[in-house]
């Protein structure tokens, strides 16, 4: 007889990081060249086709019903609720995961944070 350990509750995938982010929806073209920033959520969705460690699980207020959200501490949940309460419609919430091995997505992620076009509300690699 083989006995297997059963896990209950949230189990993290060790090959990716999970986040709840607020992403600025306004993507104004550069006045000089007309180029827009890359859309991180579209990039993650496209990367999912090649590696399911990259995923947009929930967008918008649906984040509040996600398993990831429900397993956060009360303090982390309140931080997300506070952002919703104090932000305008130019911000979109998303519950995402990004593979540790996808350097391109991680670079875009880091650049969006640095440019203040994205806020990491909660991340499991803080």
Protein backbone atom coordinates (compact mmCIF):
# COMPACT_ATOMS: atom_id res chain seq x y z
CA UNK A 1 0.00 0.00 0.00
CA UNK A 2 1.31 3.45 -0.91
CA UNK A 3 0.42 6.44 1.23
CA UNK A 4 0.67 9.90 -0.21
CA UNK A 5 0.73 13.14 1.69
CA UNK A 6 -2.34 15.23 0.89
CA UNK A 7 -2.14 19.01 1.01
CA UNK A 8 -5.14 21.11 1.87
CA UNK A 9 -5.53 24.78 1.02
CA UNK A 10 -3.32 26.93 -1.17
CA UNK A 11 -0.25 25.24 -2.63
CA UNK A 12 2.26 27.47 -4.37
CA UNK A 13 3.98 26.43 -7.58
CA UNK A 14 7.68 26.69 -6.81
CA UNK A 15 8.63 27.57 -10.40
CA UNK A 16 6.67 30.82 -10.51
CA UNK A 17 5.80 33.89 -8.47
CA UNK A 18 2.22 35.01 -7.86
CA UNK A 19 1.14 38.63 -7.58
CA UNK A 20 -1.86 40.85 -7.31
CA UNK A 21 -0.98 43.94 -9.32
CA UNK A 22 -2.57 47.22 -10.26
CA UNK A 23 -1.65 48.04 -13.84
CA UNK A 24 -2.18 51.48 -15.34
CA UNK A 25 -4.60 51.09 -18.26
CA UNK A 26 -3.66 54.39 -19.86
CA UNK A 27 -1.08 53.58 -22.49
CA UNK A 28 -0.36 56.86 -24.22
CA UNK A 29 1.88 56.67 -27.29
CA UNK A 30 5.26 58.37 -27.15
CA UNK A 31 4.97 61.85 -28.63
CA UNK A 32 8.22 61.34 -30.57
CA UNK A 33 7.92 57.85 -32.04
CA UNK A 34 4.30 56.81 -31.43
CA UNK A 35 5.31 53.60 -29.67
CA UNK A 36 3.25 52.32 -26.71
CA UNK A 37 4.38 50.25 -23.75
CA UNK A 38 4.00 46.50 -24.04
CA UNK A 39 0.82 45.11 -22.50
CA UNK A 40 2.03 42.84 -19.70
CA UNK A 41 -1.26 40.97 -19.32
CA UNK A 42 -1.37 40.16 -23.05
CA UNK A 43 2.26 39.02 -22.89
CA UNK A 44 1.53 36.73 -19.93
CA UNK A 45 -1.53 35.28 -21.67
CA UNK A 46 0.53 34.60 -24.80
CA UNK A 47 3.36 33.04 -22.76
CA UNK A 48 0.79 30.70 -21.14
CA UNK A 49 0.51 28.95 -24.51
CA UNK A 50 4.13 27.84 -24.10
CA UNK A 51 4.44 27.43 -20.31
CA UNK A 52 1.50 27.29 -17.93
CA UNK A 53 3.60 28.78 -15.11
CA UNK A 54 2.75 32.13 -16.75
CA UNK A 55 -0.89 32.95 -16.19
CA UNK A 56 -3.40 35.76 -15.78
CA UNK A 57 -5.83 34.11 -13.38
CA UNK A 58 -8.22 37.00 -12.74
CA UNK A 59 -8.66 40.53 -14.05
CA UNK A 60 -10.56 43.44 -12.53
CA UNK A 61 -12.64 43.02 -9.42
CA UNK A 62 -12.81 39.25 -10.04
CA UNK A 63 -9.44 39.22 -8.23
CA UNK A 64 -11.45 39.52 -5.00
CA UNK A 65 -12.89 36.03 -5.55
CA UNK A 66 -9.62 34.30 -6.53
CA UNK A 67 -8.18 31.47 -4.47
CA UNK A 68 -4.93 33.42 -4.22
CA UNK A 69 -6.76 36.44 -2.75
CA UNK A 70 -8.83 34.35 -0.35
CA UNK A 71 -5.66 32.73 1.03
CA UNK A 72 -3.94 36.06 1.69
CA UNK A 73 -3.67 37.52 5.15
CA UNK A 74 -6.33 40.01 6.24
CA UNK A 75 -3.70 42.76 6.02
CA UNK A 76 -2.88 41.88 2.40
CA UNK A 77 -6.57 41.65 1.47
CA UNK A 78 -7.18 45.06 3.06
CA UNK A 79 -4.26 46.55 1.09
CA UNK A 80 -5.95 45.45 -2.15
CA UNK A 81 -9.36 46.70 -1.05
CA UNK A 82 -7.81 50.04 -0.05
CA UNK A 83 -6.22 50.41 -3.50
CA UNK A 84 -9.62 49.75 -5.13
CA UNK A 85 -11.28 52.31 -2.89
CA UNK A 86 -8.67 55.03 -3.54
CA UNK A 87 -7.92 54.51 -7.24
CA UNK A 88 -9.68 55.64 -10.37
CA UNK A 89 -10.64 53.76 -13.53
CA UNK A 90 -7.15 54.12 -15.03
CA UNK A 91 -5.94 51.15 -12.96
CA UNK A 92 -6.75 47.49 -13.61
CA UNK A 93 -6.30 44.77 -11.00
CA UNK A 94 -4.92 41.39 -11.99
CA UNK A 95 -3.99 38.17 -10.22
CA UNK A 96 -1.00 36.79 -12.16
CA UNK A 97 1.85 34.33 -11.98
CA UNK A 98 5.14 34.58 -13.85
CA UNK A 99 7.66 31.79 -14.30
CA UNK A 100 11.04 32.30 -12.66
CA UNK A 101 12.52 31.25 -16.00
CA UNK A 102 10.85 33.82 -18.24
CA UNK A 103 13.40 36.63 -18.23
CA UNK A 104 11.54 38.67 -20.86
CA UNK A 105 8.32 38.85 -18.81
CA UNK A 106 10.27 39.59 -15.66
CA UNK A 107 12.11 42.45 -17.40
CA UNK A 108 8.82 44.01 -18.60
CA UNK A 109 7.36 43.50 -15.10
CA UNK A 110 10.36 45.24 -13.47
CA UNK A 111 10.27 48.11 -15.99
CA UNK A 112 6.57 48.73 -15.39
CA UNK A 113 7.20 48.91 -11.64
CA UNK A 114 10.19 51.23 -12.14
CA UNK A 115 8.15 53.52 -14.41
CA UNK A 116 5.31 53.59 -11.84
CA UNK A 117 2.89 52.17 -14.41
CA UNK A 118 2.34 49.14 -12.20
CA UNK A 119 2.01 48.65 -8.47
CA UNK A 120 2.65 45.27 -6.85
CA UNK A 121 -0.02 45.10 -4.17
CA UNK A 122 0.92 41.60 -3.03
CA UNK A 123 3.65 39.24 -4.22
CA UNK A 124 4.80 35.87 -2.97
CA UNK A 125 8.45 36.68 -3.56
CA UNK A 126 8.48 39.93 -1.53
